[in-house]
C-alpha atoms as a PDB file:
ATOM      1  CA  MET A   1     101.490-119.283 224.623  1.00  0.00           C
ATOM      2  CA  THR A   2     100.557-121.643 221.987  1.00  0.00           C
ATOM      3  CA  GLY A   3     101.055-119.452 218.429  1.00  0.00           C
ATOM      4  CA  TYR A   4     101.784-119.569 215.047  1.00  0.00           C
ATOM      5  CA  GLY A   5     103.501-117.529 212.164  1.00  0.00           C
ATOM      6  CA  ARG A   6     104.284-117.706 208.725  1.00  0.00           C
ATOM      7  CA  ALA A   7     106.398-115.553 206.154  1.00  0.00           C
ATOM      8  CA  GLU A   8     107.440-115.918 202.300  1.00  0.00           C
ATOM      9  CA  GLU A   9     109.100-114.022 200.645  1.00  0.00           C
ATOM     10  CA  THR A  10     111.262-113.844 197.399  1.00  0.00           C
ATOM     11  CA  VAL A  11     114.918-112.256 197.542  1.00  0.00           C
ATOM     12  CA  ASN A  12     117.285-111.859 194.382  1.00  0.00           C
ATOM     13  CA  GLY A  13     115.609-114.686 193.116  1.00  0.00           C
ATOM     14  CA  CYS A  14     115.584-116.771 195.616  1.00  0.00           C
ATOM     15  CA  THR A  15     112.086-117.786 198.061  1.00  0.00           C
ATOM     16  CA  ILE A  16     112.545-117.345 201.383  1.00  0.00           C
ATOM     17  CA  THR A  17     109.814-119.192 203.759  1.00  0.00           C
ATOM     18  CA  VAL A  18     109.915-119.295 207.485  1.00  0.00           C
ATOM     19  CA  GLU A  19     107.163-120.754 210.229  1.00  0.00           C
ATOM     20  CA  LEU A  20     107.181-120.666 213.948  1.00  0.00           C
ATOM     21  CA  ARG A  21     105.074-123.035 215.623  1.00  0.00           C
ATOM     22  CA  SER A  22     105.225-122.413 219.686  1.00  0.00           C
ATOM     23  CA  VAL A  23     103.455-124.377 222.788  1.00  0.00           C
ATOM     24  CA  ASN A  24     103.758-123.619 226.421  1.00  0.00           C
ATOM     25  CA  ASN A  25     106.715-123.884 228.409  1.00  0.00           C
ATOM     26  CA  ARG A  26     108.326-122.913 231.479  1.00  0.00           C
ATOM     27  CA  TYR A  27     111.194-121.271 229.617  1.00  0.00           C
ATOM     28  CA  LEU A  28     112.409-120.469 226.367  1.00  0.00           C
ATOM     29  CA  ASP A  29     113.211-123.556 224.516  1.00  0.00           C
ATOM     30  CA  CYS A  30     114.086-122.551 220.450  1.00  0.00           C
ATOM     31  CA  ASN A  31     114.520-125.098 218.135  1.00  0.00           C
ATOM     32  CA  ILE A  32     115.769-123.920 214.369  1.00  0.00           C
ATOM     33  CA  ARG A  33     115.534-126.029 211.576  1.00  0.00           C
ATOM     34  CA  LEU A  34     117.782-124.670 208.331  1.00  0.00           C
ATOM     35  CA  PRO A  35     119.173-126.341 205.575  1.00  0.00           C
ATOM     36  CA  ARG A  36     122.802-127.128 206.313  1.00  0.00           C
ATOM     37  CA  LEU A  37     124.062-125.138 203.527  1.00  0.00           C
ATOM     38  CA  TYR A  38     122.876-122.195 205.815  1.00  0.00           C
ATOM     39  CA  LEU A  39     123.489-122.711 208.896  1.00  0.00           C
ATOM     40  CA  PHE A  40     125.649-119.760 209.201  1.00  0.00           C
ATOM     41  CA  ALA A  41     122.230-117.682 210.220  1.00  0.00           C
ATOM     42  CA  GLU A  42     121.243-119.763 213.041  1.00  0.00           C
ATOM     43  CA  GLU A  43     122.779-117.641 215.769  1.00  0.00           C
ATOM     44  CA  ALA A  44     121.376-114.228 213.970  1.00  0.00           C
ATOM     45  CA  MET A  45     117.838-115.791 213.987  1.00  0.00           C
ATOM     46  CA  LYS A  46     118.176-116.809 217.692  1.00  0.00           C
ATOM     47  CA  ALA A  47     118.942-113.656 218.732  1.00  0.00           C
ATOM     48  CA  ARG A  48     115.919-111.918 217.048  1.00  0.00           C
ATOM     49  CA  ILE A  49     113.828-114.694 218.529  1.00  0.00           C
ATOM     50  CA  GLN A  50     115.133-114.681 222.319  1.00  0.00           C
ATOM     51  CA  ASN A  51     114.395-110.470 221.593  1.00  0.00           C
ATOM     52  CA  ALA A  52     110.532-111.299 221.129  1.00  0.00           C
ATOM     53  CA  ILE A  53     109.953-114.672 222.543  1.00  0.00           C
ATOM     54  CA  SER A  54     110.647-114.860 226.697  1.00  0.00           C
ATOM     55  CA  ARG A  55     108.676-117.821 227.136  1.00  0.00           C
ATOM     56  CA  GLY A  56     107.521-121.110 225.354  1.00  0.00           C
ATOM     57  CA  LYS A  57     108.990-124.353 223.137  1.00  0.00           C
ATOM     58  CA  VAL A  58     109.658-122.414 219.976  1.00  0.00           C
ATOM     59  CA  ASP A  59     109.929-124.810 216.793  1.00  0.00           C
ATOM     60  CA  VAL A  60     111.198-122.905 213.794  1.00  0.00           C
ATOM     61  CA  PHE A  61     111.267-124.361 209.910  1.00  0.00           C
ATOM     62  CA  VAL A  62     113.268-122.504 206.830  1.00  0.00           C
ATOM     63  CA  THR A  63     112.854-123.405 203.484  1.00  0.00           C
ATOM     64  CA  LEU A  64     114.726-122.274 200.564  1.00  0.00           C
ATOM     65  CA  ASP A  65     114.189-122.556 196.722  1.00  0.00           C
ATOM     66  CA  ASN A  66     116.708-120.805 194.741  1.00  0.00           C
ATOM     67  CA  ALA A  67     115.965-122.566 191.336  1.00  0.00           C
ATOM     68  CA  GLY A  68     117.197-120.505 188.641  1.00  0.00           C
ATOM     69  CA  ALA A  69     118.486-117.912 191.286  1.00  0.00           C
ATOM     70  CA  GLU A  70     122.383-119.495 191.421  1.00  0.00           C
ATOM     71  CA  LYS A  71     124.441-117.327 189.633  1.00  0.00           C
ATOM     72  CA  VAL A  72     127.226-118.750 187.357  1.00  0.00           C
ATOM     73  CA  GLN A  73     130.127-117.132 186.507  1.00  0.00           C
ATOM     74  CA  VAL A  74     132.053-117.687 183.119  1.00  0.00           C
ATOM     75  CA  SER A  75     135.369-117.254 181.927  1.00  0.00           C
ATOM     76  CA  VAL A  76     137.786-118.341 179.493  1.00  0.00           C
ATOM     77  CA  ASN A  77     140.715-120.841 180.476  1.00  0.00           C
ATOM     78  CA  LYS A  78     142.898-118.896 178.764  1.00  0.00           C
ATOM     79  CA  PRO A  79     146.083-121.412 179.152  1.00  0.00           C
ATOM     80  CA  VAL A  80     144.077-124.291 177.052  1.00  0.00           C
ATOM     81  CA  ALA A  81     142.596-121.589 174.550  1.00  0.00           C
ATOM     82  CA  ASP A  82     146.196-120.571 173.866  1.00  0.00           C
ATOM     83  CA  GLY A  83     147.248-123.959 173.172  1.00  0.00           C
ATOM     84  CA  TYR A  84     143.995-125.010 171.160  1.00  0.00           C
ATOM     85  CA  TYR A  85     144.835-121.966 169.342  1.00  0.00           C
ATOM     86  CA  ALA A  86     148.347-122.764 168.818  1.00  0.00           C
ATOM     87  CA  ALA A  87     147.946-126.289 167.783  1.00  0.00           C
ATOM     88  CA  LEU A  88     145.194-125.272 165.339  1.00  0.00           C
ATOM     89  CA  LYS A  89     147.745-122.681 163.741  1.00  0.00           C
ATOM     90  CA  GLN A  90     150.216-125.216 163.505  1.00  0.00           C
ATOM     91  CA  LEU A  91     148.333-127.920 161.936  1.00  0.00           C
ATOM     92  CA  ALA A  92     147.076-125.273 159.040  1.00  0.00           C
ATOM     93  CA  ALA A  93     150.657-124.289 158.732  1.00  0.00           C
ATOM     94  CA  ASP A  94     152.211-127.886 158.276  1.00  0.00           C
ATOM     95  CA  TYR A  95     149.265-129.137 156.065  1.00  0.00           C
ATOM     96  CA  ASP A  96     148.823-126.010 153.848  1.00  0.00           C
ATOM     97  CA  LEU A  97     144.979-125.729 154.924  1.00  0.00           C
ATOM     98  CA  GLU A  98     143.014-122.887 154.843  1.00  0.00           C
ATOM     99  CA  GLY A  99     140.322-122.152 157.058  1.00  0.00           C
ATOM    100  CA  ASP A 100     139.679-119.598 159.982  1.00  0.00           C
ATOM    101  CA  ILE A 101     140.026-120.189 163.098  1.00  0.00           C
ATOM    102  CA  SER A 102     136.404-118.827 164.960  1.00  0.00           C
ATOM    103  CA  VAL A 103     135.783-118.464 168.138  1.00  0.00           C
ATOM    104  CA  SER A 104     132.876-120.679 168.008  1.00  0.00           C
ATOM    105  CA  LEU A 105     135.348-123.403 167.109  1.00  0.00           C
ATOM    106  CA  LEU A 106     137.724-122.618 170.149  1.00  0.00           C
ATOM    107  CA  SER A 107     134.554-122.636 172.672  1.00  0.00           C
ATOM    108  CA  ARG A 108     133.923-126.112 171.530  1.00  0.00           C
ATOM    109  CA  PHE A 109     137.056-127.710 172.953  1.00  0.00           C
ATOM    110  CA  PRO A 110     137.183-129.231 176.480  1.00  0.00           C
ATOM    111  CA  ASP A 111     137.857-126.658 179.403  1.00  0.00           C
ATOM    112  CA  VAL A 112     138.208-123.763 177.014  1.00  0.00           C
ATOM    113  CA  LEU A 113     135.274-122.181 178.933  1.00  0.00           C
ATOM    114  CA  LEU A 114     134.829-122.141 182.414  1.00  0.00           C
ATOM    115  CA  ALA A 115     131.714-122.040 184.650  1.00  0.00           C
ATOM    116  CA  GLU A 116     131.491-121.753 188.153  1.00  0.00           C
ATOM    117  CA  LYS A 117     129.095-120.767 190.518  1.00  0.00           C
ATOM    118  CA  ALA A 118     129.643-117.585 192.026  1.00  0.00           C
ATOM    119  CA  GLU A 119     130.083-117.338 195.910  1.00  0.00           C
ATOM    120  CA  GLU A 120     127.142-116.629 198.178  1.00  0.00           C
ATOM    121  CA  ASP A 121     127.927-113.543 200.589  1.00  0.00           C
ATOM    122  CA  VAL A 122     126.787-115.093 203.699  1.00  0.00           C
ATOM    123  CA  GLU A 123     126.671-112.199 205.267  1.00  0.00           C
ATOM    124  CA  GLN A 124     123.471-110.612 203.157  1.00  0.00           C
ATOM    125  CA  MET A 125     122.015-114.226 203.129  1.00  0.00           C
ATOM    126  CA  ALA A 126     121.765-114.096 206.891  1.00  0.00           C
ATOM    127  CA  LYS A 127     119.960-110.541 206.581  1.00  0.00           C
ATOM    128  CA  ASP A 128     117.375-112.014 204.173  1.00  0.00           C
ATOM    129  CA  ILE A 129     116.425-115.070 206.075  1.00  0.00           C
ATOM    130  CA  CYS A 130     116.169-112.745 209.239  1.00  0.00           C
ATOM    131  CA  SER A 131     114.238-110.272 207.317  1.00  0.00           C
ATOM    132  CA  VAL A 132     111.442-112.690 206.434  1.00  0.00           C
ATOM    133  CA  LEU A 133     112.000-114.590 210.022  1.00  0.00           C
ATOM    134  CA  ASP A 134     110.704-110.864 211.196  1.00  0.00           C
ATOM    135  CA  ARG A 135     107.442-110.801 209.067  1.00  0.00           C
ATOM    136  CA  ALA A 136     106.911-114.358 210.406  1.00  0.00           C
ATOM    137  CA  LEU A 137     107.405-113.413 213.842  1.00  0.00           C
ATOM    138  CA  ALA A 138     105.010-110.399 213.721  1.00  0.00           C
ATOM    139  CA  ASP A 139     102.392-112.505 212.246  1.00  0.00           C
ATOM    140  CA  PHE A 140     102.982-114.754 215.123  1.00  0.00           C
ATOM    141  CA  ASP A 141     102.798-111.542 217.433  1.00  0.00           C
ATOM    142  CA  GLN A 142      99.074-111.087 215.981  1.00  0.00           C
ATOM    143  CA  MET A 143      97.513-114.637 216.900  1.00  0.00           C
ATOM    144  CA  ARG A 144      99.158-114.669 220.187  1.00  0.00           C
ATOM    145  CA  SER A 145      97.478-111.015 220.756  1.00  0.00           C
ATOM    146  CA  ARG A 146      94.211-112.616 219.388  1.00  0.00           C
ATOM    147  CA  GLU A 147      94.820-115.329 222.468  1.00  0.00           C
ATOM    148  CA  GLY A 148      96.032-112.949 225.062  1.00  0.00           C
ATOM    149  CA  GLN A 149      92.975-111.302 225.149  1.00  0.00           C
ATOM    150  CA  ARG A 150      91.082-114.294 225.402  1.00  0.00           C
ATOM    151  CA  LEU A 151      92.515-115.680 228.187  1.00  0.00           C
ATOM    152  CA  LYS A 152      92.959-111.823 229.790  1.00  0.00           C
ATOM    153  CA  ASP A 153      88.914-111.730 229.555  1.00  0.00           C
ATOM    154  CA  ASP A 154      89.014-115.317 230.877  1.00  0.00           C
ATOM    155  CA  VAL A 155      91.070-114.268 234.067  1.00  0.00           C
ATOM    156  CA  LEU A 156      89.647-111.538 234.704  1.00  0.00           C
ATOM    157  CA  SER A 157      86.128-112.923 234.995  1.00  0.00           C
ATOM    158  CA  ARG A 158      87.347-115.544 237.857  1.00  0.00           C
ATOM    159  CA  ALA A 159      88.798-112.686 239.297  1.00  0.00           C
ATOM    160  CA  ARG A 160      85.339-111.458 239.324  1.00  0.00           C
ATOM    161  CA  THR A 161      84.030-114.302 240.429  1.00  0.00           C
ATOM    162  CA  ILE A 162      86.442-114.658 243.356  1.00  0.00           C
ATOM    163  CA  GLU A 163      86.020-111.373 244.543  1.00  0.00           C
ATOM    164  CA  ASP A 164      82.384-112.248 244.489  1.00  0.00           C
ATOM    165  CA  LYS A 165      82.998-114.968 246.814  1.00  0.00           C
ATOM    166  CA  VAL A 166      85.032-112.916 248.988  1.00  0.00           C
ATOM    167  CA  ALA A 167      82.375-110.471 249.932  1.00  0.00           C
ATOM    168  CA  LEU A 168      80.084-113.327 250.784  1.00  0.00           C
ATOM    169  CA  VAL A 169      83.055-114.692 253.291  1.00  0.00           C
ATOM    170  CA  GLU A 170      83.059-111.192 254.728  1.00  0.00           C
ATOM    171  CA  LYS A 171      79.165-110.837 254.994  1.00  0.00           C
ATOM    172  CA  ARG A 172      79.257-114.259 256.796  1.00  0.00           C
ATOM    173  CA  SER A 173      82.253-114.140 259.025  1.00  0.00           C
ATOM    174  CA  PRO A 174      80.621-111.890 261.843  1.00  0.00           C
ATOM    175  CA  GLN A 175      77.583-113.868 261.819  1.00  0.00           C
ATOM    176  CA  THR A 176      78.948-116.746 262.554  1.00  0.00           C
ATOM    177  CA  VAL A 177      80.356-115.257 265.961  1.00  0.00           C
ATOM    178  CA  ALA A 178      76.852-113.790 266.692  1.00  0.00           C
ATOM    179  CA  GLU A 179      75.764-117.532 266.260  1.00  0.00           C
ATOM    180  CA  TYR A 180      78.925-118.589 268.385  1.00  0.00           C
ATOM    181  CA  ARG A 181      77.394-116.079 270.839  1.00  0.00           C
ATOM    182  CA  THR A 182      74.028-117.525 271.236  1.00  0.00           C
ATOM    183  CA  LYS A 183      75.121-120.832 271.353  1.00  0.00           C
ATOM    184  CA  LEU A 184      77.607-120.162 274.106  1.00  0.00           C
ATOM    185  CA  GLU A 185      74.902-118.610 275.991  1.00  0.00           C
ATOM    186  CA  ALA A 186      72.357-121.426 275.622  1.00  0.00           C
ATOM    187  CA  ARG A 187      74.852-124.088 276.257  1.00  0.00           C
ATOM    188  CA  MET A 188      76.074-122.557 279.312  1.00  0.00           C
ATOM    189  CA  THR A 189      72.153-121.902 281.003  1.00  0.00           C
ATOM    190  CA  GLU A 190      71.938-125.156 280.186  1.00  0.00           C
ATOM    191  CA  VAL A 191      74.791-126.487 282.148  1.00  0.00           C
ATOM    192  CA  LEU A 192      74.611-123.672 284.889  1.00  0.00           C
ATOM    193  CA  SER A 193      70.878-123.446 285.293  1.00  0.00           C
ATOM    194  CA  ASN A 194      70.681-122.797 289.007  1.00  0.00           C
ATOM    195  CA  THR A 195      73.810-120.109 288.544  1.00  0.00           C
ATOM    196  CA  GLN A 196      73.566-116.527 287.244  1.00  0.00           C
ATOM    197  CA  LEU A 197      75.296-116.174 284.071  1.00  0.00           C
ATOM    198  CA  ASP A 198      78.202-113.822 283.899  1.00  0.00           C
ATOM    199  CA  PRO A 199      77.889-111.314 280.779  1.00  0.00           C
ATOM    200  CA  ALA A 200      81.419-110.667 280.986  1.00  0.00           C
ATOM    201  CA  ARG A 201      82.185-114.126 280.688  1.00  0.00           C
ATOM    202  CA  ILE A 202      79.929-114.516 277.930  1.00  0.00           C
ATOM    203  CA  LEU A 203      81.549-111.212 275.780  1.00  0.00           C
ATOM    204  CA  THR A 204      85.182-112.601 276.574  1.00  0.00           C
ATOM    205  CA  GLU A 205      84.489-116.120 274.717  1.00  0.00           C
ATOM    206  CA  ALA A 206      82.996-114.510 271.730  1.00  0.00           C
ATOM    207  CA  ALA A 207      85.334-111.977 271.985  1.00  0.00           C
ATOM    208  CA  ILE A 208      88.338-114.903 271.569  1.00  0.00           C
ATOM    209  CA  PHE A 209      86.437-116.886 269.184  1.00  0.00           C
ATOM    210  CA  ALA A 210      85.958-113.578 267.086  1.00  0.00           C
ATOM    211  CA  ASP A 211      90.012-113.384 266.967  1.00  0.00           C
ATOM    212  CA  LYS A 212      90.242-116.469 266.397  1.00  0.00           C
ATOM    213  CA  VAL A 213      87.930-117.019 263.026  1.00  0.00           C
ATOM    214  CA  ALA A 214      88.597-113.023 261.915  1.00  0.00           C
ATOM    215  CA  VAL A 215      89.529-113.494 258.251  1.00  0.00           C
ATOM    216  CA  ASP A 216      89.427-109.849 257.479  1.00  0.00           C
ATOM    217  CA  GLU A 217      93.445-109.522 257.172  1.00  0.00           C
ATOM    218  CA  GLU A 218      93.131-112.176 254.435  1.00  0.00           C
ATOM    219  CA  THR A 219      90.555-111.121 252.697  1.00  0.00           C
ATOM    220  CA  VAL A 220      91.979-107.540 252.153  1.00  0.00           C
ATOM    221  CA  ARG A 221      95.461-109.514 251.069  1.00  0.00           C
ATOM    222  CA  LEU A 222      92.982-111.238 248.486  1.00  0.00           C
ATOM    223  CA  ARG A 223      91.347-108.381 247.209  1.00  0.00           C
ATOM    224  CA  SER A 224      94.831-106.587 246.685  1.00  0.00           C
ATOM    225  CA  HIS A 225      96.004-109.590 245.186  1.00  0.00           C
ATOM    226  CA  ILE A 226      93.219-109.268 242.762  1.00  0.00           C
ATOM    227  CA  GLY A 227      93.999-105.533 242.169  1.00  0.00           C
ATOM    228  CA  GLN A 228      97.399-106.448 241.341  1.00  0.00           C
ATOM    229  CA  LEU A 229      97.095-109.200 238.963  1.00  0.00           C
ATOM    230  CA  ARG A 230      94.421-106.711 236.991  1.00  0.00           C
ATOM    231  CA  GLU A 231      97.281-104.317 236.839  1.00  0.00           C
ATOM    232  CA  MET A 232      99.730-106.869 235.594  1.00  0.00           C
ATOM    233  CA  LEU A 233      97.364-108.088 232.632  1.00  0.00           C
ATOM    234  CA  ASP A 234      96.684-103.927 232.046  1.00  0.00           C
ATOM    235  CA  LYS A 235     100.299-103.006 231.439  1.00  0.00           C
ATOM    236  CA  GLY A 236     100.926-106.162 229.271  1.00  0.00           C
ATOM    237  CA  GLY A 237     104.740-107.846 228.368  1.00  0.00           C
ATOM    238  CA  ALA A 238     106.056-110.801 229.993  1.00  0.00           C
ATOM    239  CA  THR A 239     104.089-111.394 233.356  1.00  0.00           C
ATOM    240  CA  GLY A 240     104.013-115.250 232.978  1.00  0.00           C
ATOM    241  CA  ARG A 241     106.316-115.738 236.217  1.00  0.00           C
ATOM    242  CA  LYS A 242     105.177-112.662 237.913  1.00  0.00           C
ATOM    243  CA  LEU A 243     101.694-114.213 237.668  1.00  0.00           C
ATOM    244  CA  ASP A 244     102.907-117.461 238.670  1.00  0.00           C
ATOM    245  CA  PHE A 245     103.747-116.494 241.935  1.00  0.00           C
ATOM    246  CA  LEU A 246     100.929-114.074 242.680  1.00  0.00           C
ATOM    247  CA  ILE A 247      98.625-117.140 242.166  1.00  0.00           C
ATOM    248  CA  GLN A 248     100.701-118.730 245.065  1.00  0.00           C
ATOM    249  CA  GLU A 249      99.694-116.007 247.318  1.00  0.00           C
ATOM    250  CA  PHE A 250      96.077-116.555 246.294  1.00  0.00           C
ATOM    251  CA  ASN A 251      95.970-120.028 247.353  1.00  0.00           C
ATOM    252  CA  ARG A 252      97.932-118.898 250.508  1.00  0.00           C
ATOM    253  CA  GLU A 253      95.278-116.665 251.877  1.00  0.00           C
ATOM    254  CA  ALA A 254      92.541-118.810 250.210  1.00  0.00           C
ATOM    255  CA  ASN A 255      94.099-121.705 252.705  1.00  0.00           C
ATOM    256  CA  THR A 256      94.264-119.672 255.628  1.00  0.00           C
ATOM    257  CA  ILE A 257      90.548-118.569 255.308  1.00  0.00           C
ATOM    258  CA  GLY A 258      89.624-121.817 255.140  1.00  0.00           C
ATOM    259  CA  SER A 259      91.394-122.962 258.224  1.00  0.00           C
ATOM    260  CA  LYS A 260      90.015-120.511 259.825  1.00  0.00           C
ATOM    261  CA  CYS A 261      86.842-120.741 259.594  1.00  0.00           C
ATOM    262  CA  SER A 262      84.432-123.880 260.739  1.00  0.00           C
ATOM    263  CA  ASP A 263      81.828-122.355 259.556  1.00  0.00           C
ATOM    264  CA  ILE A 264      79.776-124.780 256.535  1.00  0.00           C
ATOM    265  CA  ASP A 265      78.939-121.782 254.174  1.00  0.00           C
ATOM    266  CA  ILE A 266      82.006-120.009 254.483  1.00  0.00           C
ATOM    267  CA  ALA A 267      84.045-123.703 253.612  1.00  0.00           C
ATOM    268  CA  ARG A 268      81.898-124.002 250.629  1.00  0.00           C
ATOM    269  CA  HIS A 269      82.676-120.202 249.478  1.00  0.00           C
ATOM    270  CA  VAL A 270      86.463-121.169 249.893  1.00  0.00           C
ATOM    271  CA  VAL A 271      86.230-124.154 247.750  1.00  0.00           C
ATOM    272  CA  ASP A 272      84.563-121.881 245.197  1.00  0.00           C
ATOM    273  CA  ILE A 273      87.538-119.577 245.603  1.00  0.00           C
ATOM    274  CA  LYS A 274      89.722-122.425 245.374  1.00  0.00           C
ATOM    275  CA  ALA A 275      88.251-123.772 242.356  1.00  0.00           C
ATOM    276  CA  GLU A 276      88.576-120.496 240.415  1.00  0.00           C
ATOM    277  CA  ILE A 277      92.560-119.778 241.641  1.00  0.00           C
ATOM    278  CA  GLU A 278      93.503-123.162 239.817  1.00  0.00           C
ATOM    279  CA  LYS A 279      91.932-122.406 236.866  1.00  0.00           C
ATOM    280  CA  ILE A 280      93.622-118.672 236.700  1.00  0.00           C
ATOM    281  CA  ARG A 281      96.921-120.923 237.499  1.00  0.00           C
ATOM    282  CA  GLU A 282      96.082-123.196 234.866  1.00  0.00           C
ATOM    283  CA  GLN A 283      95.746-120.132 231.897  1.00  0.00           C
ATOM    284  CA  VAL A 284      98.431-118.314 233.041  1.00  0.00           C
ATOM    285  CA  GLN A 285     100.445-121.106 232.495  1.00  0.00           C
ATOM    286  CA  ASN A 286      99.665-119.914 229.202  1.00  0.00           C
ATOM    287  CA  ILE A 287     100.598-116.416 229.039  1.00  0.00           C
ATOM    288  CA  GLU A 288     104.284-115.300 228.402  1.00  0.00           C
END
């Protein structure tokens, strides 16, 4: 299912932004784009995404702005400071100089003070990134929920249309048998104008025709499939693949009805049913 989510948070002076975008895909295809220095968080992020999303092509973009947040450790390079101090003392003694050796003086000499960037706690940083990812996933789910409700309403509307068409098929099917019997009697009367018609033969032929064009089993199964469709949509969760299979069963029953019935009116209803099934199939591709 298509969707978008975004979250931003400043943690320990570092601003973390996570964006998710997804498009329809039969399976889950996750692509995470992280700055090279933070690739250690990729596996933890993938695990969270797999728990939240089961279907779709998902692109995740992570940016980090830690301007001013870098921790610097300053230390005294004691051997170098000792050397400078000793040299200054020796210089004063050798040349009979006066003057104090101050901290400010010593600190000006090269390499007396060392400034080093503190090592980053990668585990904590990964947790911070995943925390922002969770918020982005929540935003992502809200958008998908709204879209999912629209898809559900559309699919259920089309299911009701199919039920209406099935009712018309069920109403029309017995009429085709009665019409066939009437035509059969007229035809046999015309051919056997001088012969007494056998009512039993007419009934037998009509019964054979009725059995041949009976679609009761197919319409009952089709209605049952519609009931299953409603249950799956009401239950929620990751039902996309199950719905894929169920729509195949819809098509199977509709095709069987179409192949059994040669009546023009029923054929039109079957075409309408198959058109709605195809529209539902297209929508199901968008459901996780």
